[in-house]
PDB file of N, CA and C in Angstrom:
ATOM      1  N   MET A   1      -4.765   0.903  57.915  1.00  0.00           N
ATOM      2  CA  MET A   1      -5.663  -0.100  58.460  1.00  0.00           C
ATOM      3  C   MET A   1      -5.966   0.238  59.909  1.00  0.00           C
ATOM      4  N   ILE A   2      -7.230   0.196  60.259  1.00  0.00           N
ATOM      5  CA  ILE A   2      -7.674   0.501  61.612  1.00  0.00           C
ATOM      6  C   ILE A   2      -7.619  -0.770  62.457  1.00  0.00           C
ATOM      7  N   ASP A   3      -6.997  -0.686  63.606  1.00  0.00           N
ATOM      8  CA  ASP A   3      -6.979  -1.800  64.555  1.00  0.00           C
ATOM      9  C   ASP A   3      -8.286  -1.747  65.347  1.00  0.00           C
ATOM     10  N   ILE A   4      -9.220  -2.613  64.987  1.00  0.00           N
ATOM     11  CA  ILE A   4     -10.564  -2.593  65.571  1.00  0.00           C
ATOM     12  C   ILE A   4     -10.515  -2.833  67.075  1.00  0.00           C
ATOM     13  N   GLN A   5      -9.683  -3.763  67.521  1.00  0.00           N
ATOM     14  CA  GLN A   5      -9.590  -4.064  68.948  1.00  0.00           C
ATOM     15  C   GLN A   5      -9.056  -2.868  69.731  1.00  0.00           C
ATOM     16  N   GLN A   6      -8.052  -2.209  69.172  1.00  0.00           N
ATOM     17  CA  GLN A   6      -7.473  -1.040  69.830  1.00  0.00           C
ATOM     18  C   GLN A   6      -8.503   0.088  69.909  1.00  0.00           C
ATOM     19  N   LEU A   7      -9.208   0.326  68.812  1.00  0.00           N
ATOM     20  CA  LEU A   7     -10.235   1.362  68.795  1.00  0.00           C
ATOM     21  C   LEU A   7     -11.336   1.047  69.797  1.00  0.00           C
ATOM     22  N   ALA A   8     -11.770  -0.192  69.830  1.00  0.00           N
ATOM     23  CA  ALA A   8     -12.817  -0.600  70.776  1.00  0.00           C
ATOM     24  C   ALA A   8     -12.360  -0.383  72.214  1.00  0.00           C
ATOM     25  N   GLN A   9     -11.120  -0.712  72.521  1.00  0.00           N
ATOM     26  CA  GLN A   9     -10.609  -0.532  73.882  1.00  0.00           C
ATOM     27  C   GLN A   9     -10.587   0.946  74.268  1.00  0.00           C
ATOM     28  N   MET A  10     -10.182   1.801  73.342  1.00  0.00           N
ATOM     29  CA  MET A  10     -10.152   3.237  73.642  1.00  0.00           C
ATOM     30  C   MET A  10     -11.558   3.781  73.864  1.00  0.00           C
ATOM     31  N   ILE A  11     -12.520   3.300  73.087  1.00  0.00           N
ATOM     32  CA  ILE A  11     -13.907   3.731  73.275  1.00  0.00           C
ATOM     33  C   ILE A  11     -14.427   3.238  74.622  1.00  0.00           C
ATOM     34  N   GLN A  12     -14.092   2.016  74.991  1.00  0.00           N
ATOM     35  CA  GLN A  12     -14.492   1.497  76.300  1.00  0.00           C
ATOM     36  C   GLN A  12     -13.888   2.330  77.424  1.00  0.00           C
ATOM     37  N   ASP A  13     -12.642   2.758  77.256  1.00  0.00           N
ATOM     38  CA  ASP A  13     -11.998   3.617  78.253  1.00  0.00           C
ATOM     39  C   ASP A  13     -12.722   4.961  78.369  1.00  0.00           C
ATOM     40  N   LEU A  14     -13.088   5.554  77.236  1.00  0.00           N
ATOM     41  CA  LEU A  14     -13.837   6.815  77.268  1.00  0.00           C
ATOM     42  C   LEU A  14     -15.194   6.637  77.945  1.00  0.00           C
ATOM     43  N   THR A  15     -15.828   5.508  77.665  1.00  0.00           N
ATOM     44  CA  THR A  15     -17.119   5.215  78.292  1.00  0.00           C
ATOM     45  C   THR A  15     -16.975   5.134  79.810  1.00  0.00           C
ATOM     46  N   ALA A  16     -15.970   4.417  80.273  1.00  0.00           N
ATOM     47  CA  ALA A  16     -15.735   4.279  81.713  1.00  0.00           C
ATOM     48  C   ALA A  16     -15.458   5.632  82.348  1.00  0.00           C
ATOM     49  N   MET A  17     -14.717   6.477  81.663  1.00  0.00           N
ATOM     50  CA  MET A  17     -14.405   7.805  82.202  1.00  0.00           C
ATOM     51  C   MET A  17     -15.654   8.674  82.297  1.00  0.00           C
ATOM     52  N   SER A  18     -16.543   8.558  81.316  1.00  0.00           N
ATOM     53  CA  SER A  18     -17.801   9.314  81.370  1.00  0.00           C
ATOM     54  C   SER A  18     -18.649   8.861  82.551  1.00  0.00           C
ATOM     55  N   TYR A  19     -18.736   7.558  82.757  1.00  0.00           N
ATOM     56  CA  TYR A  19     -19.484   7.038  83.907  1.00  0.00           C
ATOM     57  C   TYR A  19     -18.842   7.465  85.219  1.00  0.00           C
ATOM     58  N   ALA A  20     -17.519   7.459  85.282  1.00  0.00           N
ATOM     59  CA  ALA A  20     -16.811   7.798  86.516  1.00  0.00           C
ATOM     60  C   ALA A  20     -17.077   9.230  86.950  1.00  0.00           C
ATOM     61  N   ARG A  21     -17.277  10.111  86.000  1.00  0.00           N
ATOM     62  CA  ARG A  21     -17.561  11.498  86.388  1.00  0.00           C
ATOM     63  C   ARG A  21     -19.047  11.816  86.286  1.00  0.00           C
ATOM     64  N   THR A  22     -19.852  10.764  86.270  1.00  0.00           N
ATOM     65  CA  THR A  22     -21.320  10.844  86.206  1.00  0.00           C
ATOM     66  C   THR A  22     -21.783  11.825  85.123  1.00  0.00           C
ATOM     67  N   ASP A  23     -21.267  11.619  83.940  1.00  0.00           N
ATOM     68  CA  ASP A  23     -21.573  12.472  82.800  1.00  0.00           C
ATOM     69  C   ASP A  23     -22.079  11.589  81.663  1.00  0.00           C
ATOM     70  N   GLN A  24     -23.108  12.037  81.009  1.00  0.00           N
ATOM     71  CA  GLN A  24     -23.678  11.279  79.893  1.00  0.00           C
ATOM     72  C   GLN A  24     -23.023  11.621  78.561  1.00  0.00           C
ATOM     73  N   GLN A  25     -22.080  12.560  78.573  1.00  0.00           N
ATOM     74  CA  GLN A  25     -21.449  13.019  77.328  1.00  0.00           C
ATOM     75  C   GLN A  25     -20.826  11.857  76.554  1.00  0.00           C
ATOM     76  N   GLY A  26     -21.281  11.667  75.354  1.00  0.00           N
ATOM     77  CA  GLY A  26     -20.675  10.692  74.468  1.00  0.00           C
ATOM     78  C   GLY A  26     -21.152   9.263  74.616  1.00  0.00           C
ATOM     79  N   LEU A  27     -21.892   8.949  75.655  1.00  0.00           N
ATOM     80  CA  LEU A  27     -22.233   7.550  75.918  1.00  0.00           C
ATOM     81  C   LEU A  27     -23.014   6.907  74.771  1.00  0.00           C
ATOM     82  N   LYS A  28     -23.967   7.611  74.208  1.00  0.00           N
ATOM     83  CA  LYS A  28     -24.761   7.023  73.121  1.00  0.00           C
ATOM     84  C   LYS A  28     -23.901   6.736  71.898  1.00  0.00           C
ATOM     85  N   ILE A  29     -23.059   7.688  71.527  1.00  0.00           N
ATOM     86  CA  ILE A  29     -22.213   7.461  70.347  1.00  0.00           C
ATOM     87  C   ILE A  29     -21.188   6.380  70.626  1.00  0.00           C
ATOM     88  N   TYR A  30     -20.612   6.377  71.832  1.00  0.00           N
ATOM     89  CA  TYR A  30     -19.632   5.337  72.173  1.00  0.00           C
ATOM     90  C   TYR A  30     -20.269   3.956  72.078  1.00  0.00           C
ATOM     91  N   GLN A  31     -21.459   3.804  72.654  1.00  0.00           N
ATOM     92  CA  GLN A  31     -22.138   2.508  72.636  1.00  0.00           C
ATOM     93  C   GLN A  31     -22.513   2.107  71.214  1.00  0.00           C
ATOM     94  N   SER A  32     -22.970   3.059  70.424  1.00  0.00           N
ATOM     95  CA  SER A  32     -23.353   2.779  69.043  1.00  0.00           C
ATOM     96  C   SER A  32     -22.144   2.325  68.221  1.00  0.00           C
ATOM     97  N   ILE A  33     -21.042   3.032  68.348  1.00  0.00           N
ATOM     98  CA  ILE A  33     -19.839   2.666  67.596  1.00  0.00           C
ATOM     99  C   ILE A  33     -19.323   1.299  68.043  1.00  0.00           C
ATOM    100  N   LEU A  34     -19.343   1.031  69.348  1.00  0.00           N
ATOM    101  CA  LEU A  34     -18.885  -0.276  69.839  1.00  0.00           C
ATOM    102  C   LEU A  34     -19.726  -1.408  69.261  1.00  0.00           C
ATOM    103  N   GLU A  35     -21.035  -1.237  69.238  1.00  0.00           N
ATOM    104  CA  GLU A  35     -21.916  -2.266  68.678  1.00  0.00           C
ATOM    105  C   GLU A  35     -21.615  -2.488  67.198  1.00  0.00           C
ATOM    106  N   ARG A  36     -21.407  -1.412  66.477  1.00  0.00           N
ATOM    107  CA  ARG A  36     -21.129  -1.517  65.048  1.00  0.00           C
ATOM    108  C   ARG A  36     -19.746  -2.110  64.784  1.00  0.00           C
ATOM    109  N   LEU A  37     -18.781  -1.838  65.678  1.00  0.00           N
ATOM    110  CA  LEU A  37     -17.449  -2.436  65.521  1.00  0.00           C
ATOM    111  C   LEU A  37     -17.495  -3.953  65.658  1.00  0.00           C
ATOM    112  N   LYS A  38     -18.382  -4.447  66.520  1.00  0.00           N
ATOM    113  CA  LYS A  38     -18.519  -5.893  66.704  1.00  0.00           C
ATOM    114  C   LYS A  38     -18.959  -6.576  65.405  1.00  0.00           C
ATOM    115  N   LEU A  39     -19.700  -5.852  64.591  1.00  0.00           N
ATOM    116  CA  LEU A  39     -20.216  -6.401  63.340  1.00  0.00           C
ATOM    117  C   LEU A  39     -19.343  -6.057  62.138  1.00  0.00           C
ATOM    118  N   CYS A  40     -18.289  -5.331  62.386  1.00  0.00           N
ATOM    119  CA  CYS A  40     -17.433  -4.824  61.312  1.00  0.00           C
ATOM    120  C   CYS A  40     -16.804  -5.969  60.527  1.00  0.00           C
ATOM    121  N   GLN A  41     -16.934  -5.905  59.201  1.00  0.00           N
ATOM    122  CA  GLN A  41     -16.455  -6.974  58.334  1.00  0.00           C
ATOM    123  C   GLN A  41     -15.236  -6.600  57.497  1.00  0.00           C
ATOM    124  N   SER A  42     -14.938  -5.304  57.402  1.00  0.00           N
ATOM    125  CA  SER A  42     -13.837  -4.906  56.522  1.00  0.00           C
ATOM    126  C   SER A  42     -13.140  -3.669  57.058  1.00  0.00           C
ATOM    127  N   ASP A  43     -11.962  -3.421  56.523  1.00  0.00           N
ATOM    128  CA  ASP A  43     -11.228  -2.220  56.903  1.00  0.00           C
ATOM    129  C   ASP A  43     -11.982  -0.977  56.459  1.00  0.00           C
ATOM    130  N   GLU A  44     -12.670  -1.071  55.340  1.00  0.00           N
ATOM    131  CA  GLU A  44     -13.458   0.070  54.870  1.00  0.00           C
ATOM    132  C   GLU A  44     -14.549   0.430  55.880  1.00  0.00           C
ATOM    133  N   ASN A  45     -15.222  -0.576  56.414  1.00  0.00           N
ATOM    134  CA  ASN A  45     -16.236  -0.333  57.443  1.00  0.00           C
ATOM    135  C   ASN A  45     -15.605   0.281  58.691  1.00  0.00           C
ATOM    136  N   ALA A  46     -14.461  -0.235  59.087  1.00  0.00           N
ATOM    137  CA  ALA A  46     -13.767   0.276  60.281  1.00  0.00           C
ATOM    138  C   ALA A  46     -13.363   1.734  60.085  1.00  0.00           C
ATOM    139  N   ARG A  47     -12.883   2.060  58.889  1.00  0.00           N
ATOM    140  CA  ARG A  47     -12.500   3.454  58.615  1.00  0.00           C
ATOM    141  C   ARG A  47     -13.714   4.371  58.652  1.00  0.00           C
ATOM    142  N   GLU A  48     -14.838   3.903  58.158  1.00  0.00           N
ATOM    143  CA  GLU A  48     -16.065   4.702  58.195  1.00  0.00           C
ATOM    144  C   GLU A  48     -16.506   4.940  59.637  1.00  0.00           C
ATOM    145  N   LEU A  49     -16.453   3.908  60.462  1.00  0.00           N
ATOM    146  CA  LEU A  49     -16.817   4.068  61.877  1.00  0.00           C
ATOM    147  C   LEU A  49     -15.844   5.012  62.578  1.00  0.00           C
ATOM    148  N   HIS A  50     -14.570   4.911  62.249  1.00  0.00           N
ATOM    149  CA  HIS A  50     -13.559   5.811  62.815  1.00  0.00           C
ATOM    150  C   HIS A  50     -13.876   7.254  62.425  1.00  0.00           C
ATOM    151  N   ARG A  51     -14.236   7.474  61.164  1.00  0.00           N
ATOM    152  CA  ARG A  51     -14.593   8.816  60.700  1.00  0.00           C
ATOM    153  C   ARG A  51     -15.818   9.349  61.442  1.00  0.00           C
ATOM    154  N   LEU A  52     -16.831   8.514  61.609  1.00  0.00           N
ATOM    155  CA  LEU A  52     -18.029   8.925  62.339  1.00  0.00           C
ATOM    156  C   LEU A  52     -17.706   9.287  63.782  1.00  0.00           C
ATOM    157  N   LEU A  53     -16.866   8.478  64.420  1.00  0.00           N
ATOM    158  CA  LEU A  53     -16.478   8.752  65.794  1.00  0.00           C
ATOM    159  C   LEU A  53     -15.702  10.063  65.886  1.00  0.00           C
ATOM    160  N   CYS A  54     -14.759  10.271  64.990  1.00  0.00           N
ATOM    161  CA  CYS A  54     -13.974  11.510  65.007  1.00  0.00           C
ATOM    162  C   CYS A  54     -14.871  12.736  64.818  1.00  0.00           C
ATOM    163  N   ASN A  55     -15.846  12.635  63.927  1.00  0.00           N
ATOM    164  CA  ASN A  55     -16.784  13.744  63.727  1.00  0.00           C
ATOM    165  C   ASN A  55     -17.607  14.001  64.987  1.00  0.00           C
ATOM    166  N   ALA A  56     -18.053  12.945  65.636  1.00  0.00           N
ATOM    167  CA  ALA A  56     -18.820  13.100  66.873  1.00  0.00           C
ATOM    168  C   ALA A  56     -17.953  13.729  67.973  1.00  0.00           C
ATOM    169  N   LEU A  57     -16.695  13.309  68.044  1.00  0.00           N
ATOM    170  CA  LEU A  57     -15.791  13.879  69.046  1.00  0.00           C
ATOM    171  C   LEU A  57     -15.555  15.366  68.801  1.00  0.00           C
ATOM    172  N   LEU A  58     -15.509  15.774  67.537  1.00  0.00           N
ATOM    173  CA  LEU A  58     -15.374  17.195  67.222  1.00  0.00           C
ATOM    174  C   LEU A  58     -16.565  17.985  67.748  1.00  0.00           C
ATOM    175  N   GLY A  59     -17.757  17.438  67.568  1.00  0.00           N
ATOM    176  CA  GLY A  59     -18.955  18.097  68.089  1.00  0.00           C
ATOM    177  C   GLY A  59     -18.948  18.189  69.604  1.00  0.00           C
ATOM    178  N   MET A  60     -18.521  17.105  70.246  1.00  0.00           N
ATOM    179  CA  MET A  60     -18.451  17.122  71.710  1.00  0.00           C
ATOM    180  C   MET A  60     -17.387  18.103  72.181  1.00  0.00           C
ATOM    181  N   GLU A  61     -16.308  18.195  71.440  1.00  0.00           N
ATOM    182  CA  GLU A  61     -15.241  19.129  71.776  1.00  0.00           C
ATOM    183  C   GLU A  61     -15.768  20.568  71.724  1.00  0.00           C
ATOM    184  N   ALA A  62     -16.582  20.859  70.728  1.00  0.00           N
ATOM    185  CA  ALA A  62     -17.111  22.209  70.553  1.00  0.00           C
ATOM    186  C   ALA A  62     -18.123  22.585  71.629  1.00  0.00           C
ATOM    187  N   HIS A  63     -18.873  21.599  72.123  1.00  0.00           N
ATOM    188  CA  HIS A  63     -19.985  21.910  73.016  1.00  0.00           C
ATOM    189  C   HIS A  63     -19.903  21.223  74.375  1.00  0.00           C
ATOM    190  N   GLY A  64     -18.855  20.475  74.614  1.00  0.00           N
ATOM    191  CA  GLY A  64     -18.760  19.713  75.853  1.00  0.00           C
ATOM    192  C   GLY A  64     -17.469  19.965  76.588  1.00  0.00           C
ATOM    193  N   PHE A  65     -17.101  19.004  77.400  1.00  0.00           N
ATOM    194  CA  PHE A  65     -15.907  19.110  78.228  1.00  0.00           C
ATOM    195  C   PHE A  65     -15.235  17.754  78.304  1.00  0.00           C
ATOM    196  N   PHE A  66     -13.920  17.737  78.144  1.00  0.00           N
ATOM    197  CA  PHE A  66     -13.137  16.522  78.314  1.00  0.00           C
ATOM    198  C   PHE A  66     -12.042  16.769  79.338  1.00  0.00           C
ATOM    199  N   GLN A  67     -11.806  15.782  80.180  1.00  0.00           N
ATOM    200  CA  GLN A  67     -10.696  15.857  81.119  1.00  0.00           C
ATOM    201  C   GLN A  67      -9.408  15.483  80.392  1.00  0.00           C
ATOM    202  N   LYS A  68      -8.275  15.777  81.036  1.00  0.00           N
ATOM    203  CA  LYS A  68      -6.973  15.560  80.405  1.00  0.00           C
ATOM    204  C   LYS A  68      -6.784  14.111  79.952  1.00  0.00           C
ATOM    205  N   ASP A  69      -7.162  13.140  80.798  1.00  0.00           N
ATOM    206  CA  ASP A  69      -6.984  11.732  80.420  1.00  0.00           C
ATOM    207  C   ASP A  69      -7.873  11.349  79.234  1.00  0.00           C
ATOM    208  N   GLU A  70      -9.040  11.968  79.128  1.00  0.00           N
ATOM    209  CA  GLU A  70      -9.903  11.730  77.972  1.00  0.00           C
ATOM    210  C   GLU A  70      -9.265  12.318  76.707  1.00  0.00           C
ATOM    211  N   TRP A  71      -8.680  13.497  76.832  1.00  0.00           N
ATOM    212  CA  TRP A  71      -8.017  14.123  75.686  1.00  0.00           C
ATOM    213  C   TRP A  71      -6.909  13.245  75.137  1.00  0.00           C
ATOM    214  N   GLN A  72      -6.167  12.614  76.024  1.00  0.00           N
ATOM    215  CA  GLN A  72      -5.080  11.748  75.571  1.00  0.00           C
ATOM    216  C   GLN A  72      -5.615  10.600  74.716  1.00  0.00           C
ATOM    217  N   ILE A  73      -6.733  10.024  75.130  1.00  0.00           N
ATOM    218  CA  ILE A  73      -7.343   8.942  74.356  1.00  0.00           C
ATOM    219  C   ILE A  73      -7.893   9.471  73.036  1.00  0.00           C
ATOM    220  N   ILE A  74      -8.537  10.619  73.080  1.00  0.00           N
ATOM    221  CA  ILE A  74      -9.098  11.209  71.865  1.00  0.00           C
ATOM    222  C   ILE A  74      -7.998  11.486  70.846  1.00  0.00           C
ATOM    223  N   GLU A  75      -6.874  11.978  71.303  1.00  0.00           N
ATOM    224  CA  GLU A  75      -5.753  12.225  70.393  1.00  0.00           C
ATOM    225  C   GLU A  75      -5.239  10.924  69.774  1.00  0.00           C
ATOM    226  N   ARG A  76      -5.226   9.857  70.564  1.00  0.00           N
ATOM    227  CA  ARG A  76      -4.804   8.549  70.036  1.00  0.00           C
ATOM    228  C   ARG A  76      -5.813   8.028  69.014  1.00  0.00           C
ATOM    229  N   ILE A  77      -7.096   8.247  69.272  1.00  0.00           N
ATOM    230  CA  ILE A  77      -8.130   7.819  68.326  1.00  0.00           C
ATOM    231  C   ILE A  77      -7.963   8.582  67.013  1.00  0.00           C
ATOM    232  N   ARG A  78      -7.770   9.865  67.092  1.00  0.00           N
ATOM    233  CA  ARG A  78      -7.607  10.666  65.868  1.00  0.00           C
ATOM    234  C   ARG A  78      -6.374  10.261  65.074  1.00  0.00           C
ATOM    235  N   ALA A  79      -5.355   9.774  65.767  1.00  0.00           N
ATOM    236  CA  ALA A  79      -4.100   9.408  65.102  1.00  0.00           C
ATOM    237  C   ALA A  79      -4.184   8.063  64.375  1.00  0.00           C
ATOM    238  N   LEU A  80      -5.221   7.285  64.652  1.00  0.00           N
ATOM    239  CA  LEU A  80      -5.327   5.968  63.994  1.00  0.00           C
ATOM    240  C   LEU A  80      -5.451   6.103  62.487  1.00  0.00           C
TER     241      LEU A  80
END
């Protein structure tokens, strides 16, 4: 079972970190997932959003840059 509140908080933390380093990386996907989490009605929906986020993070990992503190959050997200 995905803890929606915990996932939302981690996404908010990633969003803040992107803004802090004046980087647009991930902001659209983070905002999209957060909006969809607010409407989430079931664990199945939450798992689907988690899967979408993990796939997006893989793409960003391949073509972008994450700082150490962002990596720690990403690892926690993947472990959910």
